[in-house]
């Protein structure tokens, strides 16, 4: 077990070194784990305790703050992932802001300039340009239009006990 741990740290150091040679910044190169393939654009910064699993792509100027797990996802240019987020099989456009303490589950598709705040969970939903779900909400199986502001404590409740239904929220709606 000790030899495997030493080999793993050597592999991680090599992967991080390759990214640093491409211009990626790390708060502490020894405190990141890459468990798959991580591709990064220019001027990306990754803070401590970030874990990348599967296929992950980070666009130019992306900032990954501490304690995040990102799996099989695409993060657009200029986006910020605040601390303590879990992102799995999700995609986002440019200039998005996620977290802290947010969860993007499989099928979360965010357009440009979307804000997902603290304690927000998004599953199998599309959220259009400039929309915000700022805090304490669950958005599942939904289509959210552009320029929408979803307030605290909002839940898209779309299960009738037998079937799930799609929730559709139009453009410029305030909830």
C-alpha atoms as a PDB file:
ATOM      1  CA  UNK A   1       0.000   0.000   0.000  1.00  0.00           C
ATOM      2  CA  UNK A   2       2.817   2.402   0.810  1.00  0.00           C
ATOM      3  CA  UNK A   3       4.498   1.813  -2.547  1.00  0.00           C
ATOM      4  CA  UNK A   4       1.206   2.396  -4.365  1.00  0.00           C
ATOM      5  CA  UNK A   5       0.704   5.664  -2.488  1.00  0.00           C
ATOM      6  CA  UNK A   6       4.222   6.817  -3.383  1.00  0.00           C
ATOM      7  CA  UNK A   7       3.653   5.902  -7.042  1.00  0.00           C
ATOM      8  CA  UNK A   8       0.337   7.793  -7.042  1.00  0.00           C
ATOM      9  CA  UNK A   9       1.961  10.944  -5.627  1.00  0.00           C
ATOM     10  CA  UNK A  10       4.701  10.723  -8.279  1.00  0.00           C
ATOM     11  CA  UNK A  11       2.076  10.423 -11.035  1.00  0.00           C
ATOM     12  CA  UNK A  12       0.099  13.358  -9.634  1.00  0.00           C
ATOM     13  CA  UNK A  13       3.253  15.486  -9.441  1.00  0.00           C
ATOM     14  CA  UNK A  14       4.024  14.690 -13.090  1.00  0.00           C
ATOM     15  CA  UNK A  15       0.482  15.554 -14.252  1.00  0.00           C
ATOM     16  CA  UNK A  16       0.466  18.841 -12.331  1.00  0.00           C
ATOM     17  CA  UNK A  17       3.948  19.709 -13.609  1.00  0.00           C
ATOM     18  CA  UNK A  18       2.743  19.237 -17.217  1.00  0.00           C
ATOM     19  CA  UNK A  19      -0.187  21.585 -16.574  1.00  0.00           C
ATOM     20  CA  UNK A  20       2.069  24.162 -14.937  1.00  0.00           C
ATOM     21  CA  UNK A  21       4.313  24.080 -18.010  1.00  0.00           C
ATOM     22  CA  UNK A  22       1.195  25.014 -20.021  1.00  0.00           C
ATOM     23  CA  UNK A  23       0.587  28.002 -17.720  1.00  0.00           C
ATOM     24  CA  UNK A  24      -1.918  26.607 -15.210  1.00  0.00           C
ATOM     25  CA  UNK A  25      -1.500  28.081 -11.726  1.00  0.00           C
ATOM     26  CA  UNK A  26      -1.854  26.033  -8.542  1.00  0.00           C
ATOM     27  CA  UNK A  27      -2.087  27.302  -4.953  1.00  0.00           C
ATOM     28  CA  UNK A  28      -0.280  24.118  -3.862  1.00  0.00           C
ATOM     29  CA  UNK A  29       0.680  21.645  -6.607  1.00  0.00           C
ATOM     30  CA  UNK A  30       0.852  18.801  -4.077  1.00  0.00           C
ATOM     31  CA  UNK A  31      -2.805  19.213  -3.053  1.00  0.00           C
ATOM     32  CA  UNK A  32      -4.684  18.378  -6.225  1.00  0.00           C
ATOM     33  CA  UNK A  33      -5.766  15.025  -7.672  1.00  0.00           C
ATOM     34  CA  UNK A  34      -6.276  14.306 -11.350  1.00  0.00           C
ATOM     35  CA  UNK A  35      -8.040  10.968 -11.820  1.00  0.00           C
ATOM     36  CA  UNK A  36      -8.603  11.021 -15.553  1.00  0.00           C
ATOM     37  CA  UNK A  37      -7.877  13.679 -18.168  1.00  0.00           C
ATOM     38  CA  UNK A  38      -7.849  17.369 -17.282  1.00  0.00           C
ATOM     39  CA  UNK A  39      -7.481  19.884 -20.114  1.00  0.00           C
ATOM     40  CA  UNK A  40      -7.043  23.559 -19.311  1.00  0.00           C
ATOM     41  CA  UNK A  41      -7.109  26.800 -21.274  1.00  0.00           C
ATOM     42  CA  UNK A  42      -4.896  29.803 -20.629  1.00  0.00           C
ATOM     43  CA  UNK A  43      -4.590  31.511 -17.233  1.00  0.00           C
ATOM     44  CA  UNK A  44      -6.476  28.823 -15.283  1.00  0.00           C
ATOM     45  CA  UNK A  45      -6.014  28.813 -11.491  1.00  0.00           C
ATOM     46  CA  UNK A  46      -6.688  25.810  -9.229  1.00  0.00           C
ATOM     47  CA  UNK A  47      -6.754  26.114  -5.438  1.00  0.00           C
ATOM     48  CA  UNK A  48      -6.085  23.336  -2.897  1.00  0.00           C
ATOM     49  CA  UNK A  49      -7.926  20.039  -2.526  1.00  0.00           C
ATOM     50  CA  UNK A  50      -9.432  20.019  -6.010  1.00  0.00           C
ATOM     51  CA  UNK A  51     -10.268  16.591  -7.414  1.00  0.00           C
ATOM     52  CA  UNK A  52     -10.806  16.070 -11.141  1.00  0.00           C
ATOM     53  CA  UNK A  53     -12.246  12.740 -12.289  1.00  0.00           C
ATOM     54  CA  UNK A  54     -12.923  11.413 -15.789  1.00  0.00           C
ATOM     55  CA  UNK A  55     -12.857  13.919 -18.663  1.00  0.00           C
ATOM     56  CA  UNK A  56     -12.774  17.518 -17.415  1.00  0.00           C
ATOM     57  CA  UNK A  57     -12.219  20.649 -19.482  1.00  0.00           C
ATOM     58  CA  UNK A  58     -11.547  24.087 -17.996  1.00  0.00           C
ATOM     59  CA  UNK A  59     -11.796  27.116 -20.294  1.00  0.00           C
ATOM     60  CA  UNK A  60      -9.464  30.120 -20.338  1.00  0.00           C
ATOM     61  CA  UNK A  61      -9.312  32.163 -17.100  1.00  0.00           C
ATOM     62  CA  UNK A  62     -11.316  29.614 -15.133  1.00  0.00           C
ATOM     63  CA  UNK A  63     -10.834  29.703 -11.358  1.00  0.00           C
ATOM     64  CA  UNK A  64     -11.358  26.611  -9.250  1.00  0.00           C
ATOM     65  CA  UNK A  65     -11.440  27.437  -5.541  1.00  0.00           C
ATOM     66  CA  UNK A  66     -10.686  24.969  -2.725  1.00  0.00           C
ATOM     67  CA  UNK A  67     -12.337  21.644  -1.941  1.00  0.00           C
ATOM     68  CA  UNK A  68     -14.133  20.974  -5.222  1.00  0.00           C
ATOM     69  CA  UNK A  69     -14.873  17.674  -6.961  1.00  0.00           C
ATOM     70  CA  UNK A  70     -15.419  17.955 -10.719  1.00  0.00           C
ATOM     71  CA  UNK A  71     -16.225  14.839 -12.748  1.00  0.00           C
ATOM     72  CA  UNK A  72     -16.819  14.469 -16.507  1.00  0.00           C
ATOM     73  CA  UNK A  73     -17.711  18.141 -16.991  1.00  0.00           C
ATOM     74  CA  UNK A  74     -17.018  21.181 -19.142  1.00  0.00           C
ATOM     75  CA  UNK A  75     -16.400  24.528 -17.449  1.00  0.00           C
ATOM     76  CA  UNK A  76     -16.537  27.558 -19.776  1.00  0.00           C
ATOM     77  CA  UNK A  77     -14.021  30.396 -20.013  1.00  0.00           C
ATOM     78  CA  UNK A  78     -13.982  32.992 -17.254  1.00  0.00           C
ATOM     79  CA  UNK A  79     -16.070  30.861 -14.911  1.00  0.00           C
ATOM     80  CA  UNK A  80     -15.507  30.666 -11.148  1.00  0.00           C
ATOM     81  CA  UNK A  81     -16.246  27.571  -9.104  1.00  0.00           C
ATOM     82  CA  UNK A  82     -16.332  28.694  -5.474  1.00  0.00           C
ATOM     83  CA  UNK A  83     -15.363  26.367  -2.624  1.00  0.00           C
ATOM     84  CA  UNK A  84     -16.991  23.075  -1.726  1.00  0.00           C
ATOM     85  CA  UNK A  85     -18.904  22.314  -4.933  1.00  0.00           C
ATOM     86  CA  UNK A  86     -19.626  18.955  -6.512  1.00  0.00           C
ATOM     87  CA  UNK A  87     -20.034  18.950 -10.287  1.00  0.00           C
ATOM     88  CA  UNK A  88     -20.786  15.763 -12.219  1.00  0.00           C
ATOM     89  CA  UNK A  89     -21.573  15.276 -15.914  1.00  0.00           C
ATOM     90  CA  UNK A  90     -22.487  18.937 -16.287  1.00  0.00           C
ATOM     91  CA  UNK A  91     -21.598  21.675 -18.747  1.00  0.00           C
ATOM     92  CA  UNK A  92     -21.538  25.425 -18.483  1.00  0.00           C
ATOM     93  CA  UNK A  93     -20.911  28.318 -20.796  1.00  0.00           C
ATOM     94  CA  UNK A  94     -18.625  31.257 -20.241  1.00  0.00           C
ATOM     95  CA  UNK A  95     -18.474  33.583 -17.230  1.00  0.00           C
ATOM     96  CA  UNK A  96     -20.577  31.426 -14.919  1.00  0.00           C
ATOM     97  CA  UNK A  97     -20.362  31.584 -11.131  1.00  0.00           C
ATOM     98  CA  UNK A  98     -21.018  28.440  -9.112  1.00  0.00           C
ATOM     99  CA  UNK A  99     -21.260  28.011  -5.348  1.00  0.00           C
ATOM    100  CA  UNK A 100     -20.057  27.896  -2.709  1.00  0.00           C
ATOM    101  CA  UNK A 101     -21.621  24.608  -1.645  1.00  0.00           C
ATOM    102  CA  UNK A 102     -23.443  23.988  -4.947  1.00  0.00           C
ATOM    103  CA  UNK A 103     -24.109  20.678  -6.645  1.00  0.00           C
ATOM    104  CA  UNK A 104     -24.509  20.222 -10.380  1.00  0.00           C
ATOM    105  CA  UNK A 105     -25.774  16.716 -11.106  1.00  0.00           C
ATOM    106  CA  UNK A 106     -25.794  14.871 -14.432  1.00  0.00           C
ATOM    107  CA  UNK A 107     -27.599  16.731 -17.175  1.00  0.00           C
ATOM    108  CA  UNK A 108     -27.123  20.226 -15.745  1.00  0.00           C
ATOM    109  CA  UNK A 109     -26.513  22.479 -18.753  1.00  0.00           C
ATOM    110  CA  UNK A 110     -25.811  26.130 -18.036  1.00  0.00           C
ATOM    111  CA  UNK A 111     -25.498  28.831 -20.698  1.00  0.00           C
ATOM    112  CA  UNK A 112     -23.296  31.941 -20.408  1.00  0.00           C
ATOM    113  CA  UNK A 113     -23.283  34.173 -17.316  1.00  0.00           C
ATOM    114  CA  UNK A 114     -25.412  31.837 -15.197  1.00  0.00           C
ATOM    115  CA  UNK A 115     -25.119  32.074 -11.420  1.00  0.00           C
ATOM    116  CA  UNK A 116     -25.755  29.056  -9.221  1.00  0.00           C
ATOM    117  CA  UNK A 117     -25.337  30.099  -5.602  1.00  0.00           C
ATOM    118  CA  UNK A 118     -24.802  28.478  -2.243  1.00  0.00           C
ATOM    119  CA  UNK A 119     -26.738  25.354  -1.372  1.00  0.00           C
ATOM    120  CA  UNK A 120     -28.296  25.067  -4.836  1.00  0.00           C
ATOM    121  CA  UNK A 121     -28.666  21.723  -6.603  1.00  0.00           C
ATOM    122  CA  UNK A 122     -29.343  21.422 -10.335  1.00  0.00           C
ATOM    123  CA  UNK A 123     -30.204  18.115 -12.014  1.00  0.00           C
ATOM    124  CA  UNK A 124     -31.086  17.351 -15.633  1.00  0.00           C
ATOM    125  CA  UNK A 125     -31.961  20.965 -16.379  1.00  0.00           C
ATOM    126  CA  UNK A 126     -31.006  23.680 -18.830  1.00  0.00           C
ATOM    127  CA  UNK A 127     -30.575  27.231 -17.607  1.00  0.00           C
ATOM    128  CA  UNK A 128     -30.316  29.979 -20.242  1.00  0.00           C
ATOM    129  CA  UNK A 129     -28.087  33.077 -20.464  1.00  0.00           C
ATOM    130  CA  UNK A 130     -27.839  35.363 -17.466  1.00  0.00           C
ATOM    131  CA  UNK A 131     -30.203  33.463 -15.182  1.00  0.00           C
ATOM    132  CA  UNK A 132     -29.605  33.182 -11.435  1.00  0.00           C
ATOM    133  CA  UNK A 133     -30.489  30.635  -8.798  1.00  0.00           C
ATOM    134  CA  UNK A 134     -28.778  32.347  -5.903  1.00  0.00           C
ATOM    135  CA  UNK A 135     -29.362  30.150  -2.865  1.00  0.00           C
ATOM    136  CA  UNK A 136     -31.165  27.318  -1.098  1.00  0.00           C
ATOM    137  CA  UNK A 137     -32.973  25.877  -4.129  1.00  0.00           C
ATOM    138  CA  UNK A 138     -33.433  22.670  -6.118  1.00  0.00           C
ATOM    139  CA  UNK A 139     -33.894  22.812  -9.884  1.00  0.00           C
ATOM    140  CA  UNK A 140     -34.575  19.392 -11.398  1.00  0.00           C
ATOM    141  CA  UNK A 141     -35.967  18.317 -14.770  1.00  0.00           C
ATOM    142  CA  UNK A 142     -36.477  21.942 -15.748  1.00  0.00           C
ATOM    143  CA  UNK A 143     -35.950  24.354 -18.603  1.00  0.00           C
ATOM    144  CA  UNK A 144     -35.193  27.848 -17.330  1.00  0.00           C
ATOM    145  CA  UNK A 145     -35.243  30.777 -19.764  1.00  0.00           C
ATOM    146  CA  UNK A 146     -32.845  33.721 -20.079  1.00  0.00           C
ATOM    147  CA  UNK A 147     -32.633  36.492 -17.501  1.00  0.00           C
ATOM    148  CA  UNK A 148     -34.553  34.544 -14.843  1.00  0.00           C
ATOM    149  CA  UNK A 149     -34.089  35.216 -11.121  1.00  0.00           C
ATOM    150  CA  UNK A 150     -35.058  32.276  -8.921  1.00  0.00           C
ATOM    151  CA  UNK A 151     -35.270  33.236  -5.247  1.00  0.00           C
ATOM    152  CA  UNK A 152     -34.378  31.335  -2.096  1.00  0.00           C
ATOM    153  CA  UNK A 153     -36.162  28.134  -1.214  1.00  0.00           C
ATOM    154  CA  UNK A 154     -37.491  27.395  -4.700  1.00  0.00           C
ATOM    155  CA  UNK A 155     -38.026  23.779  -5.701  1.00  0.00           C
ATOM    156  CA  UNK A 156     -39.175  22.585  -9.099  1.00  0.00           C
ATOM    157  CA  UNK A 157     -41.609  19.905  -7.964  1.00  0.00           C
ATOM    158  CA  UNK A 158     -42.537  17.869 -10.983  1.00  0.00           C
ATOM    159  CA  UNK A 159     -43.153  14.313  -9.784  1.00  0.00           C
ATOM    160  CA  UNK A 160     -46.798  13.298  -9.507  1.00  0.00           C
ATOM    161  CA  UNK A 161     -46.104  10.022  -7.726  1.00  0.00           C
ATOM    162  CA  UNK A 162     -45.910   8.050 -10.955  1.00  0.00           C
ATOM    163  CA  UNK A 163     -44.212  10.147 -13.628  1.00  0.00           C
ATOM    164  CA  UNK A 164     -41.729  13.010 -13.790  1.00  0.00           C
ATOM    165  CA  UNK A 165     -42.695  16.048 -15.814  1.00  0.00           C
ATOM    166  CA  UNK A 166     -40.627  18.887 -17.259  1.00  0.00           C
ATOM    167  CA  UNK A 167     -40.907  22.264 -15.537  1.00  0.00           C
ATOM    168  CA  UNK A 168     -40.670  25.165 -17.989  1.00  0.00           C
ATOM    169  CA  UNK A 169     -39.884  28.689 -16.799  1.00  0.00           C
ATOM    170  CA  UNK A 170     -39.945  31.413 -19.475  1.00  0.00           C
ATOM    171  CA  UNK A 171     -37.557  34.311 -20.061  1.00  0.00           C
ATOM    172  CA  UNK A 172     -37.182  37.171 -17.527  1.00  0.00           C
ATOM    173  CA  UNK A 173     -39.308  35.482 -14.871  1.00  0.00           C
ATOM    174  CA  UNK A 174     -38.810  36.447 -11.228  1.00  0.00           C
ATOM    175  CA  UNK A 175     -39.608  33.773  -8.649  1.00  0.00           C
END
